[in-house]
Amino acid sequence: FLYNAFPVWECVFSCNIGILSIGRNLNNQERLIDMIEKTPRIA
């Protein structure tokens, strides 16, 4: 899902905390931050 939604040059993924670093595309970084903030959360 992340690769399809955010096509970037470089991407490092962690299942626990999402994207650790993401390419050199600032627009994609902003979109990713927005997506992470909207991630559903469960106790």
PDB file of all heavy atoms in Angstrom:
ATOM      1  N   PHE A   1       0.827  -1.202   0.000  1.00  0.00           N
ATOM      2  CA  PHE A   1       0.000   0.000   0.000  1.00  0.00           C
ATOM      3  C   PHE A   1       0.865   1.257   0.000  1.00  0.00           C
ATOM      4  O   PHE A   1       0.640   2.188  -0.751  1.00  0.00           O
ATOM      5  CB  PHE A   1      -0.921   0.010   1.225  1.00  0.00           C
ATOM      6  CG  PHE A   1      -1.543   1.353   1.495  1.00  0.00           C
ATOM      7  CD1 PHE A   1      -2.589   1.821   0.709  1.00  0.00           C
ATOM      8  CD2 PHE A   1      -1.066   2.167   2.512  1.00  0.00           C
ATOM      9  CE1 PHE A   1      -3.151   3.061   0.943  1.00  0.00           C
ATOM     10  CE2 PHE A   1      -1.617   3.404   2.751  1.00  0.00           C
ATOM     11  CZ  PHE A   1      -2.663   3.852   1.970  1.00  0.00           C
ATOM     12  N   LEU A   2       1.895   1.252   0.846  1.00  0.00           N
ATOM     13  CA  LEU A   2       2.737   2.437   0.954  1.00  0.00           C
ATOM     14  C   LEU A   2       3.517   2.704  -0.330  1.00  0.00           C
ATOM     15  O   LEU A   2       3.635   3.833  -0.765  1.00  0.00           O
ATOM     16  CB  LEU A   2       3.698   2.274   2.134  1.00  0.00           C
ATOM     17  CG  LEU A   2       3.044   2.378   3.515  1.00  0.00           C
ATOM     18  CD1 LEU A   2       4.049   1.998   4.593  1.00  0.00           C
ATOM     19  CD2 LEU A   2       2.511   3.772   3.772  1.00  0.00           C
ATOM     20  N   TYR A   3       4.027   1.655  -0.933  1.00  0.00           N
ATOM     21  CA  TYR A   3       4.777   1.839  -2.170  1.00  0.00           C
ATOM     22  C   TYR A   3       3.866   2.335  -3.286  1.00  0.00           C
ATOM     23  O   TYR A   3       4.259   3.145  -4.107  1.00  0.00           O
ATOM     24  CB  TYR A   3       5.451   0.536  -2.581  1.00  0.00           C
ATOM     25  CG  TYR A   3       6.745   0.292  -1.874  1.00  0.00           C
ATOM     26  CD1 TYR A   3       6.900  -0.800  -1.032  1.00  0.00           C
ATOM     27  CD2 TYR A   3       7.832   1.160  -2.044  1.00  0.00           C
ATOM     28  CE1 TYR A   3       8.098  -1.027  -0.368  1.00  0.00           C
ATOM     29  CE2 TYR A   3       9.027   0.933  -1.380  1.00  0.00           C
ATOM     30  CZ  TYR A   3       9.161  -0.154  -0.552  1.00  0.00           C
ATOM     31  OH  TYR A   3      10.339  -0.375   0.107  1.00  0.00           O
ATOM     32  N   ASN A   4       2.620   1.836  -3.322  1.00  0.00           N
ATOM     33  CA  ASN A   4       1.681   2.271  -4.356  1.00  0.00           C
ATOM     34  C   ASN A   4       1.209   3.702  -4.110  1.00  0.00           C
ATOM     35  O   ASN A   4       1.021   4.479  -5.037  1.00  0.00           O
ATOM     36  CB  ASN A   4       0.481   1.331  -4.404  1.00  0.00           C
ATOM     37  CG  ASN A   4       0.855  -0.039  -4.928  1.00  0.00           C
ATOM     38  OD1 ASN A   4       1.791  -0.161  -5.701  1.00  0.00           O
ATOM     39  ND2 ASN A   4       0.139  -1.056  -4.505  1.00  0.00           N
ATOM     40  N   ALA A   5       0.993   4.043  -2.830  1.00  0.00           N
ATOM     41  CA  ALA A   5       0.465   5.366  -2.519  1.00  0.00           C
ATOM     42  C   ALA A   5       1.536   6.441  -2.573  1.00  0.00           C
ATOM     43  O   ALA A   5       1.261   7.585  -2.879  1.00  0.00           O
ATOM     44  CB  ALA A   5      -0.175   5.349  -1.124  1.00  0.00           C
ATOM     45  N   PHE A   6       2.793   6.068  -2.298  1.00  0.00           N
ATOM     46  CA  PHE A   6       3.853   7.055  -2.237  1.00  0.00           C
ATOM     47  C   PHE A   6       5.060   6.590  -3.049  1.00  0.00           C
ATOM     48  O   PHE A   6       6.036   6.109  -2.499  1.00  0.00           O
ATOM     49  CB  PHE A   6       4.268   7.299  -0.777  1.00  0.00           C
ATOM     50  CG  PHE A   6       3.143   7.709   0.094  1.00  0.00           C
ATOM     51  CD1 PHE A   6       2.521   6.780   0.911  1.00  0.00           C
ATOM     52  CD2 PHE A   6       2.680   9.007   0.082  1.00  0.00           C
ATOM     53  CE1 PHE A   6       1.457   7.148   1.714  1.00  0.00           C
ATOM     54  CE2 PHE A   6       1.623   9.380   0.892  1.00  0.00           C
ATOM     55  CZ  PHE A   6       1.003   8.456   1.712  1.00  0.00           C
ATOM     56  N   PRO A   7       4.987   6.715  -4.392  1.00  0.00           N
ATOM     57  CA  PRO A   7       6.132   6.310  -5.223  1.00  0.00           C
ATOM     58  C   PRO A   7       7.299   7.269  -5.005  1.00  0.00           C
ATOM     59  O   PRO A   7       7.232   8.437  -5.342  1.00  0.00           O
ATOM     60  CB  PRO A   7       5.582   6.434  -6.653  1.00  0.00           C
ATOM     61  CG  PRO A   7       4.464   7.419  -6.539  1.00  0.00           C
ATOM     62  CD  PRO A   7       3.873   7.250  -5.175  1.00  0.00           C
ATOM     63  N   VAL A   8       8.369   6.783  -4.411  1.00  0.00           N
ATOM     64  CA  VAL A   8       9.532   7.619  -4.140  1.00  0.00           C
ATOM     65  C   VAL A   8      10.782   6.874  -4.574  1.00  0.00           C
ATOM     66  O   VAL A   8      10.753   5.680  -4.867  1.00  0.00           O
ATOM     67  CB  VAL A   8       9.636   7.975  -2.647  1.00  0.00           C
ATOM     68  CG1 VAL A   8       8.514   8.873  -2.241  1.00  0.00           C
ATOM     69  CG2 VAL A   8       9.652   6.707  -1.797  1.00  0.00           C
ATOM     70  N   TRP A   9      11.917   7.555  -4.577  1.00  0.00           N
ATOM     71  CA  TRP A   9      13.161   6.955  -5.023  1.00  0.00           C
ATOM     72  C   TRP A   9      13.737   6.027  -3.962  1.00  0.00           C
ATOM     73  O   TRP A   9      14.301   4.990  -4.263  1.00  0.00           O
ATOM     74  CB  TRP A   9      14.165   8.068  -5.354  1.00  0.00           C
ATOM     75  CG  TRP A   9      13.693   8.928  -6.480  1.00  0.00           C
ATOM     76  CD1 TRP A   9      12.942   8.538  -7.545  1.00  0.00           C
ATOM     77  CD2 TRP A   9      13.916  10.325  -6.643  1.00  0.00           C
ATOM     78  NE1 TRP A   9      12.680   9.589  -8.365  1.00  0.00           N
ATOM     79  CE2 TRP A   9      13.261  10.717  -7.839  1.00  0.00           C
ATOM     80  CE3 TRP A   9      14.583  11.296  -5.904  1.00  0.00           C
ATOM     81  CZ2 TRP A   9      13.282  12.025  -8.303  1.00  0.00           C
ATOM     82  CZ3 TRP A   9      14.601  12.591  -6.369  1.00  0.00           C
ATOM     83  CH2 TRP A   9      13.963  12.945  -7.565  1.00  0.00           C
ATOM     84  N   GLU A  10      13.690   6.456  -2.714  1.00  0.00           N
ATOM     85  CA  GLU A  10      14.258   5.657  -1.649  1.00  0.00           C
ATOM     86  C   GLU A  10      13.236   5.512  -0.532  1.00  0.00           C
ATOM     87  O   GLU A  10      12.575   6.467  -0.166  1.00  0.00           O
ATOM     88  CB  GLU A  10      15.521   6.323  -1.086  1.00  0.00           C
ATOM     89  CG  GLU A  10      16.611   6.531  -2.123  1.00  0.00           C
ATOM     90  CD  GLU A  10      17.753   7.358  -1.561  1.00  0.00           C
ATOM     91  OE1 GLU A  10      17.871   7.400  -0.327  1.00  0.00           O
ATOM     92  OE2 GLU A  10      18.485   7.952  -2.352  1.00  0.00           O
ATOM     93  N   CYS A  11      13.106   4.299   0.013  1.00  0.00           N
ATOM     94  CA  CYS A  11      12.082   4.099   1.030  1.00  0.00           C
ATOM     95  C   CYS A  11      12.531   3.004   1.987  1.00  0.00           C
ATOM     96  O   CYS A  11      12.939   1.937   1.560  1.00  0.00           O
ATOM     97  CB  CYS A  11      10.762   3.701   0.372  1.00  0.00           C
ATOM     98  SG  CYS A  11       9.405   3.520   1.513  1.00  0.00           S
ATOM     99  N   VAL A  12      12.491   3.272   3.275  1.00  0.00           N
ATOM    100  CA  VAL A  12      12.825   2.285   4.291  1.00  0.00           C
ATOM    101  C   VAL A  12      11.599   2.079   5.150  1.00  0.00           C
ATOM    102  O   VAL A  12      11.068   3.044   5.699  1.00  0.00           O
ATOM    103  CB  VAL A  12      13.999   2.753   5.181  1.00  0.00           C
ATOM    104  CG1 VAL A  12      14.323   1.690   6.240  1.00  0.00           C
ATOM    105  CG2 VAL A  12      15.217   3.033   4.326  1.00  0.00           C
ATOM    106  N   PHE A  13      11.148   0.813   5.258  1.00  0.00           N
ATOM    107  CA  PHE A  13       9.886   0.538   5.943  1.00  0.00           C
ATOM    108  C   PHE A  13      10.087  -0.284   7.205  1.00  0.00           C
ATOM    109  O   PHE A  13      10.857  -1.219   7.238  1.00  0.00           O
ATOM    110  CB  PHE A  13       8.941  -0.211   5.001  1.00  0.00           C
ATOM    111  CG  PHE A  13       7.619  -0.527   5.628  1.00  0.00           C
ATOM    112  CD1 PHE A  13       6.665   0.463   5.752  1.00  0.00           C
ATOM    113  CD2 PHE A  13       7.339  -1.802   6.107  1.00  0.00           C
ATOM    114  CE1 PHE A  13       5.444   0.183   6.340  1.00  0.00           C
ATOM    115  CE2 PHE A  13       6.120  -2.080   6.689  1.00  0.00           C
ATOM    116  CZ  PHE A  13       5.170  -1.085   6.801  1.00  0.00           C
ATOM    117  N   SER A  14       9.371   0.078   8.254  1.00  0.00           N
ATOM    118  CA  SER A  14       9.346  -0.709   9.491  1.00  0.00           C
ATOM    119  C   SER A  14       7.908  -0.955   9.871  1.00  0.00           C
ATOM    120  O   SER A  14       7.099  -0.035   9.917  1.00  0.00           O
ATOM    121  CB  SER A  14      10.046   0.045  10.623  1.00  0.00           C
ATOM    122  OG  SER A  14       9.714  -0.532  11.869  1.00  0.00           O
ATOM    123  N   CYS A  15       7.523  -2.216  10.156  1.00  0.00           N
ATOM    124  CA  CYS A  15       6.140  -2.546  10.482  1.00  0.00           C
ATOM    125  C   CYS A  15       5.684  -1.844  11.753  1.00  0.00           C
ATOM    126  O   CYS A  15       4.503  -1.591  11.930  1.00  0.00           O
ATOM    127  CB  CYS A  15       5.982  -4.059  10.658  1.00  0.00           C
ATOM    128  SG  CYS A  15       6.085  -4.981   9.108  1.00  0.00           S
ATOM    129  N   ASN A  16       6.606  -1.538  12.660  1.00  0.00           N
ATOM    130  CA  ASN A  16       6.210  -0.985  13.946  1.00  0.00           C
ATOM    131  C   ASN A  16       5.939   0.514  13.894  1.00  0.00           C
ATOM    132  O   ASN A  16       4.999   0.996  14.513  1.00  0.00           O
ATOM    133  CB  ASN A  16       7.297  -1.252  14.987  1.00  0.00           C
ATOM    134  CG  ASN A  16       7.392  -2.722  15.326  1.00  0.00           C
ATOM    135  OD1 ASN A  16       6.393  -3.411  15.309  1.00  0.00           O
ATOM    136  ND2 ASN A  16       8.581  -3.192  15.623  1.00  0.00           N
ATOM    137  N   ILE A  17       6.775   1.272  13.176  1.00  0.00           N
ATOM    138  CA  ILE A  17       6.622   2.723  13.223  1.00  0.00           C
ATOM    139  C   ILE A  17       6.451   3.351  11.850  1.00  0.00           C
ATOM    140  O   ILE A  17       6.525   4.555  11.704  1.00  0.00           O
ATOM    141  CB  ILE A  17       7.818   3.382  13.932  1.00  0.00           C
ATOM    142  CG1 ILE A  17       9.132   3.004  13.249  1.00  0.00           C
ATOM    143  CG2 ILE A  17       7.861   3.020  15.393  1.00  0.00           C
ATOM    144  CD1 ILE A  17      10.340   3.728  13.830  1.00  0.00           C
ATOM    145  N   GLY A  18       6.172   2.546  10.839  1.00  0.00           N
ATOM    146  CA  GLY A  18       5.918   3.101   9.519  1.00  0.00           C
ATOM    147  C   GLY A  18       7.199   3.433   8.785  1.00  0.00           C
ATOM    148  O   GLY A  18       8.207   2.764   8.936  1.00  0.00           O
ATOM    149  N   ILE A  19       7.184   4.492   8.013  1.00  0.00           N
ATOM    150  CA  ILE A  19       8.363   4.853   7.243  1.00  0.00           C
ATOM    151  C   ILE A  19       9.382   5.560   8.126  1.00  0.00           C
ATOM    152  O   ILE A  19       9.084   6.525   8.797  1.00  0.00           O
ATOM    153  CB  ILE A  19       7.970   5.772   6.074  1.00  0.00           C
ATOM    154  CG1 ILE A  19       7.010   5.054   5.140  1.00  0.00           C
ATOM    155  CG2 ILE A  19       9.196   6.230   5.317  1.00  0.00           C
ATOM    156  CD1 ILE A  19       7.612   3.833   4.475  1.00  0.00           C
ATOM    157  N   LEU A  20      10.618   5.067   8.099  1.00  0.00           N
ATOM    158  CA  LEU A  20      11.682   5.702   8.853  1.00  0.00           C
ATOM    159  C   LEU A  20      12.315   6.834   8.050  1.00  0.00           C
ATOM    160  O   LEU A  20      12.655   7.877   8.586  1.00  0.00           O
ATOM    161  CB  LEU A  20      12.744   4.661   9.226  1.00  0.00           C
ATOM    162  CG  LEU A  20      12.272   3.511  10.120  1.00  0.00           C
ATOM    163  CD1 LEU A  20      13.438   2.562  10.381  1.00  0.00           C
ATOM    164  CD2 LEU A  20      11.734   4.039  11.440  1.00  0.00           C
ATOM    165  N   SER A  21      12.511   6.600   6.759  1.00  0.00           N
ATOM    166  CA  SER A  21      13.026   7.666   5.896  1.00  0.00           C
ATOM    167  C   SER A  21      12.414   7.507   4.525  1.00  0.00           C
ATOM    168  O   SER A  21      12.066   6.412   4.115  1.00  0.00           O
ATOM    169  CB  SER A  21      14.555   7.578   5.786  1.00  0.00           C
ATOM    170  OG  SER A  21      14.928   6.379   5.162  1.00  0.00           O
ATOM    171  N   ILE A  22      12.258   8.610   3.832  1.00  0.00           N
ATOM    172  CA  ILE A  22      11.583   8.529   2.544  1.00  0.00           C
ATOM    173  C   ILE A  22      12.174   9.545   1.571  1.00  0.00           C
ATOM    174  O   ILE A  22      12.028  10.750   1.740  1.00  0.00           O
ATOM    175  CB  ILE A  22      10.062   8.739   2.705  1.00  0.00           C
ATOM    176  CG1 ILE A  22       9.341   8.450   1.412  1.00  0.00           C
ATOM    177  CG2 ILE A  22       9.718  10.099   3.235  1.00  0.00           C
ATOM    178  CD1 ILE A  22       7.850   8.261   1.582  1.00  0.00           C
ATOM    179  N   GLY A  23      12.987   9.034   0.658  1.00  0.00           N
ATOM    180  CA  GLY A  23      13.498   9.745  -0.492  1.00  0.00           C
ATOM    181  C   GLY A  23      13.830  11.209  -0.361  1.00  0.00           C
ATOM    182  O   GLY A  23      14.070  11.754   0.685  1.00  0.00           O
ATOM    183  N   ARG A  24      13.801  11.876  -1.500  1.00  0.00           N
ATOM    184  CA  ARG A  24      14.140  13.284  -1.565  1.00  0.00           C
ATOM    185  C   ARG A  24      12.974  14.115  -2.072  1.00  0.00           C
ATOM    186  O   ARG A  24      13.147  15.248  -2.488  1.00  0.00           O
ATOM    187  CB  ARG A  24      15.363  13.457  -2.492  1.00  0.00           C
ATOM    188  CG  ARG A  24      16.624  12.824  -1.949  1.00  0.00           C
ATOM    189  CD  ARG A  24      17.805  13.012  -2.888  1.00  0.00           C
ATOM    190  NE  ARG A  24      17.674  12.203  -4.098  1.00  0.00           N
ATOM    191  CZ  ARG A  24      18.106  10.942  -4.180  1.00  0.00           C
ATOM    192  NH1 ARG A  24      18.661  10.371  -3.130  1.00  0.00           N
ATOM    193  NH2 ARG A  24      17.980  10.254  -5.291  1.00  0.00           N
ATOM    194  N   ASN A  25      11.790  13.541  -2.036  1.00  0.00           N
ATOM    195  CA  ASN A  25      10.628  14.245  -2.547  1.00  0.00           C
ATOM    196  C   ASN A  25       9.830  14.826  -1.385  1.00  0.00           C
ATOM    197  O   ASN A  25       9.164  14.120  -0.655  1.00  0.00           O
ATOM    198  CB  ASN A  25       9.751  13.275  -3.363  1.00  0.00           C
ATOM    199  CG  ASN A  25       8.645  13.996  -4.114  1.00  0.00           C
ATOM    200  OD1 ASN A  25       7.992  14.878  -3.571  1.00  0.00           O
ATOM    201  ND2 ASN A  25       8.440  13.612  -5.361  1.00  0.00           N
ATOM    202  N   LEU A  26       9.932  16.139  -1.178  1.00  0.00           N
ATOM    203  CA  LEU A  26       9.293  16.788  -0.035  1.00  0.00           C
ATOM    204  C   LEU A  26       7.783  16.617  -0.061  1.00  0.00           C
ATOM    205  O   LEU A  26       7.151  16.411   0.968  1.00  0.00           O
ATOM    206  CB  LEU A  26       9.661  18.275  -0.006  1.00  0.00           C
ATOM    207  CG  LEU A  26       9.083  19.088   1.164  1.00  0.00           C
ATOM    208  CD1 LEU A  26       9.574  18.500   2.486  1.00  0.00           C
ATOM    209  CD2 LEU A  26       9.485  20.551   1.051  1.00  0.00           C
ATOM    210  N   ASN A  27       7.185  16.680  -1.246  1.00  0.00           N
ATOM    211  CA  ASN A  27       5.742  16.535  -1.348  1.00  0.00           C
ATOM    212  C   ASN A  27       5.295  15.166  -0.835  1.00  0.00           C
ATOM    213  O   ASN A  27       4.305  15.044  -0.119  1.00  0.00           O
ATOM    214  CB  ASN A  27       5.301  16.719  -2.802  1.00  0.00           C
ATOM    215  CG  ASN A  27       3.791  16.631  -2.969  1.00  0.00           C
ATOM    216  OD1 ASN A  27       3.044  17.328  -2.288  1.00  0.00           O
ATOM    217  ND2 ASN A  27       3.340  15.754  -3.859  1.00  0.00           N
ATOM    218  N   ASN A  28       6.043  14.136  -1.189  1.00  0.00           N
ATOM    219  CA  ASN A  28       5.711  12.802  -0.717  1.00  0.00           C
ATOM    220  C   ASN A  28       5.884  12.689   0.790  1.00  0.00           C
ATOM    221  O   ASN A  28       5.127  12.000   1.466  1.00  0.00           O
ATOM    222  CB  ASN A  28       6.586  11.753  -1.407  1.00  0.00           C
ATOM    223  CG  ASN A  28       6.100  11.443  -2.815  1.00  0.00           C
ATOM    224  OD1 ASN A  28       4.921  11.593  -3.113  1.00  0.00           O
ATOM    225  ND2 ASN A  28       7.013  11.024  -3.669  1.00  0.00           N
ATOM    226  N   GLN A  29       6.898  13.369   1.344  1.00  0.00           N
ATOM    227  CA  GLN A  29       7.096  13.357   2.783  1.00  0.00           C
ATOM    228  C   GLN A  29       5.896  13.972   3.492  1.00  0.00           C
ATOM    229  O   GLN A  29       5.414  13.449   4.497  1.00  0.00           O
ATOM    230  CB  GLN A  29       8.369  14.121   3.144  1.00  0.00           C
ATOM    231  CG  GLN A  29       9.646  13.411   2.728  1.00  0.00           C
ATOM    232  CD  GLN A  29      10.871  14.217   3.119  1.00  0.00           C
ATOM    233  OE1 GLN A  29      10.760  15.367   3.550  1.00  0.00           O
ATOM    234  NE2 GLN A  29      12.036  13.618   2.970  1.00  0.00           N
ATOM    235  N   GLU A  30       5.405  15.071   2.974  1.00  0.00           N
ATOM    236  CA  GLU A  30       4.256  15.733   3.591  1.00  0.00           C
ATOM    237  C   GLU A  30       3.021  14.846   3.522  1.00  0.00           C
ATOM    238  O   GLU A  30       2.248  14.763   4.480  1.00  0.00           O
ATOM    239  CB  GLU A  30       4.008  17.074   2.901  1.00  0.00           C
ATOM    240  CG  GLU A  30       5.113  18.099   3.143  1.00  0.00           C
ATOM    241  CD  GLU A  30       4.919  19.340   2.317  1.00  0.00           C
ATOM    242  OE1 GLU A  30       4.106  19.296   1.361  1.00  0.00           O
ATOM    243  OE2 GLU A  30       5.577  20.363   2.608  1.00  0.00           O
ATOM    244  N   ARG A  31       2.842  14.187   2.388  1.00  0.00           N
ATOM    245  CA  ARG A  31       1.695  13.289   2.238  1.00  0.00           C
ATOM    246  C   ARG A  31       1.810  12.117   3.195  1.00  0.00           C
ATOM    247  O   ARG A  31       0.824  11.654   3.755  1.00  0.00           O
ATOM    248  CB  ARG A  31       1.598  12.792   0.794  1.00  0.00           C
ATOM    249  CG  ARG A  31       1.228  13.871  -0.215  1.00  0.00           C
ATOM    250  CD  ARG A  31       1.438  13.370  -1.630  1.00  0.00           C
ATOM    251  NE  ARG A  31       0.637  12.197  -1.909  1.00  0.00           N
ATOM    252  CZ  ARG A  31       0.872  11.366  -2.925  1.00  0.00           C
ATOM    253  NH1 ARG A  31       1.910  11.573  -3.707  1.00  0.00           N
ATOM    254  NH2 ARG A  31       0.096  10.329  -3.130  1.00  0.00           N
ATOM    255  N   LEU A  32       3.030  11.612   3.388  1.00  0.00           N
ATOM    256  CA  LEU A  32       3.242  10.478   4.277  1.00  0.00           C
ATOM    257  C   LEU A  32       2.956  10.852   5.725  1.00  0.00           C
ATOM    258  O   LEU A  32       2.300  10.109   6.457  1.00  0.00           O
ATOM    259  CB  LEU A  32       4.671   9.971   4.156  1.00  0.00           C
ATOM    260  CG  LEU A  32       5.012   8.764   5.047  1.00  0.00           C
ATOM    261  CD1 LEU A  32       4.170   7.569   4.640  1.00  0.00           C
ATOM    262  CD2 LEU A  32       6.481   8.438   4.959  1.00  0.00           C
ATOM    263  N   ILE A  33       3.428  12.016   6.146  1.00  0.00           N
ATOM    264  CA  ILE A  33       3.161  12.474   7.508  1.00  0.00           C
ATOM    265  C   ILE A  33       1.669  12.595   7.747  1.00  0.00           C
ATOM    266  O   ILE A  33       1.143  12.204   8.789  1.00  0.00           O
ATOM    267  CB  ILE A  33       3.863  13.823   7.767  1.00  0.00           C
ATOM    268  CG1 ILE A  33       5.384  13.619   7.796  1.00  0.00           C
ATOM    269  CG2 ILE A  33       3.390  14.444   9.070  1.00  0.00           C
ATOM    270  CD1 ILE A  33       6.167  14.913   7.843  1.00  0.00           C
ATOM    271  N   ASP A  34       0.962  13.127   6.753  1.00  0.00           N
ATOM    272  CA  ASP A  34      -0.493  13.263   6.867  1.00  0.00           C
ATOM    273  C   ASP A  34      -1.151  11.897   6.993  1.00  0.00           C
ATOM    274  O   ASP A  34      -2.079  11.709   7.781  1.00  0.00           O
ATOM    275  CB  ASP A  34      -1.043  14.001   5.643  1.00  0.00           C
ATOM    276  CG  ASP A  34      -2.538  14.231   5.743  1.00  0.00           C
ATOM    277  OD1 ASP A  34      -2.978  14.925   6.685  1.00  0.00           O
ATOM    278  OD2 ASP A  34      -3.280  13.708   4.886  1.00  0.00           O
ATOM    279  N   MET A  35      -0.649  10.906   6.237  1.00  0.00           N
ATOM    280  CA  MET A  35      -1.213   9.567   6.282  1.00  0.00           C
ATOM    281  C   MET A  35      -0.979   8.914   7.642  1.00  0.00           C
ATOM    282  O   MET A  35      -1.872   8.286   8.219  1.00  0.00           O
ATOM    283  CB  MET A  35      -0.611   8.714   5.169  1.00  0.00           C
ATOM    284  CG  MET A  35      -1.214   7.303   5.027  1.00  0.00           C
ATOM    285  SD  MET A  35      -0.502   6.085   6.147  1.00  0.00           S
ATOM    286  CE  MET A  35       1.164   5.996   5.479  1.00  0.00           C
ATOM    287  N   ILE A  36       0.259   9.088   8.178  1.00  0.00           N
ATOM    288  CA  ILE A  36       0.583   8.489   9.465  1.00  0.00           C
ATOM    289  C   ILE A  36      -0.293   9.066  10.573  1.00  0.00           C
ATOM    290  O   ILE A  36      -0.752   8.359  11.467  1.00  0.00           O
ATOM    291  CB  ILE A  36       2.077   8.675   9.784  1.00  0.00           C
ATOM    292  CG1 ILE A  36       2.922   7.831   8.828  1.00  0.00           C
ATOM    293  CG2 ILE A  36       2.398   8.308  11.232  1.00  0.00           C
ATOM    294  CD1 ILE A  36       4.407   8.043   8.976  1.00  0.00           C
ATOM    295  N   GLU A  37      -0.545  10.380  10.518  1.00  0.00           N
ATOM    296  CA  GLU A  37      -1.371  11.014  11.531  1.00  0.00           C
ATOM    297  C   GLU A  37      -2.799  10.504  11.501  1.00  0.00           C
ATOM    298  O   GLU A  37      -3.504  10.536  12.505  1.00  0.00           O
ATOM    299  CB  GLU A  37      -1.353  12.537  11.335  1.00  0.00           C
ATOM    300  CG  GLU A  37      -0.013  13.179  11.697  1.00  0.00           C
ATOM    301  CD  GLU A  37       0.017  14.661  11.422  1.00  0.00           C
ATOM    302  OE1 GLU A  37      -0.899  15.143  10.724  1.00  0.00           O
ATOM    303  OE2 GLU A  37       0.942  15.328  11.906  1.00  0.00           O
ATOM    304  N   LYS A  38      -3.234   9.995  10.348  1.00  0.00           N
ATOM    305  CA  LYS A  38      -4.601   9.496  10.205  1.00  0.00           C
ATOM    306  C   LYS A  38      -4.684   7.979  10.384  1.00  0.00           C
ATOM    307  O   LYS A  38      -5.739   7.396  10.187  1.00  0.00           O
ATOM    308  CB  LYS A  38      -5.152   9.894   8.833  1.00  0.00           C
ATOM    309  CG  LYS A  38      -5.324  11.397   8.649  1.00  0.00           C
ATOM    310  CD  LYS A  38      -5.825  11.737   7.255  1.00  0.00           C
ATOM    311  CE  LYS A  38      -5.967  13.245   7.082  1.00  0.00           C
ATOM    312  NZ  LYS A  38      -6.409  13.600   5.708  1.00  0.00           N
ATOM    313  N   THR A  39      -3.568   7.342  10.728  1.00  0.00           N
ATOM    314  CA  THR A  39      -3.566   5.896  10.917  1.00  0.00           C
ATOM    315  C   THR A  39      -4.489   5.505  12.062  1.00  0.00           C
ATOM    316  O   THR A  39      -4.392   6.068  13.155  1.00  0.00           O
ATOM    317  CB  THR A  39      -2.141   5.396  11.225  1.00  0.00           C
ATOM    318  OG1 THR A  39      -1.294   5.708  10.123  1.00  0.00           O
ATOM    319  CG2 THR A  39      -2.131   3.894  11.458  1.00  0.00           C
ATOM    320  N   PRO A  40      -5.399   4.549  11.856  1.00  0.00           N
ATOM    321  CA  PRO A  40      -6.257   4.098  12.961  1.00  0.00           C
ATOM    322  C   PRO A  40      -5.420   3.574  14.116  1.00  0.00           C
ATOM    323  O   PRO A  40      -4.369   2.966  13.920  1.00  0.00           O
ATOM    324  CB  PRO A  40      -7.084   2.976  12.322  1.00  0.00           C
ATOM    325  CG  PRO A  40      -7.023   3.229  10.848  1.00  0.00           C
ATOM    326  CD  PRO A  40      -5.683   3.846  10.600  1.00  0.00           C
ATOM    327  N   ARG A  41      -5.901   3.796  15.333  1.00  0.00           N
ATOM    328  CA  ARG A  41      -5.155   3.407  16.531  1.00  0.00           C
ATOM    329  C   ARG A  41      -6.065   2.595  17.447  1.00  0.00           C
ATOM    330  O   ARG A  41      -7.214   2.967  17.679  1.00  0.00           O
ATOM    331  CB  ARG A  41      -4.671   4.674  17.248  1.00  0.00           C
ATOM    332  CG  ARG A  41      -3.843   4.438  18.497  1.00  0.00           C
ATOM    333  CD  ARG A  41      -3.600   5.740  19.233  1.00  0.00           C
ATOM    334  NE  ARG A  41      -2.947   6.724  18.401  1.00  0.00           N
ATOM    335  CZ  ARG A  41      -3.248   8.013  18.395  1.00  0.00           C
ATOM    336  NH1 ARG A  41      -4.206   8.475  19.160  1.00  0.00           N
ATOM    337  NH2 ARG A  41      -2.596   8.840  17.611  1.00  0.00           N
ATOM    338  N   ILE A  42      -5.525   1.496  17.977  1.00  0.00           N
ATOM    339  CA  ILE A  42      -6.315   0.642  18.858  1.00  0.00           C
ATOM    340  C   ILE A  42      -5.540   0.295  20.117  1.00  0.00           C
ATOM    341  O   ILE A  42      -4.343  -0.001  20.073  1.00  0.00           O
ATOM    342  CB  ILE A  42      -6.760  -0.646  18.130  1.00  0.00           C
ATOM    343  CG1 ILE A  42      -7.686  -1.480  19.018  1.00  0.00           C
ATOM    344  CG2 ILE A  42      -5.570  -1.483  17.681  1.00  0.00           C
ATOM    345  CD1 ILE A  42      -8.393  -2.588  18.273  1.00  0.00           C
ATOM    346  N   ALA A  43      -6.219   0.363  21.264  1.00  0.00           N
ATOM    347  CA  ALA A  43      -5.653  -0.095  22.523  1.00  0.00           C
ATOM    348  C   ALA A  43      -5.906  -1.595  22.627  1.00  0.00           C
ATOM    349  O   ALA A  43      -7.057  -2.035  22.584  1.00  0.00           O
ATOM    350  CB  ALA A  43      -6.297   0.635  23.699  1.00  0.00           C
TER     351      ALA A  43
END
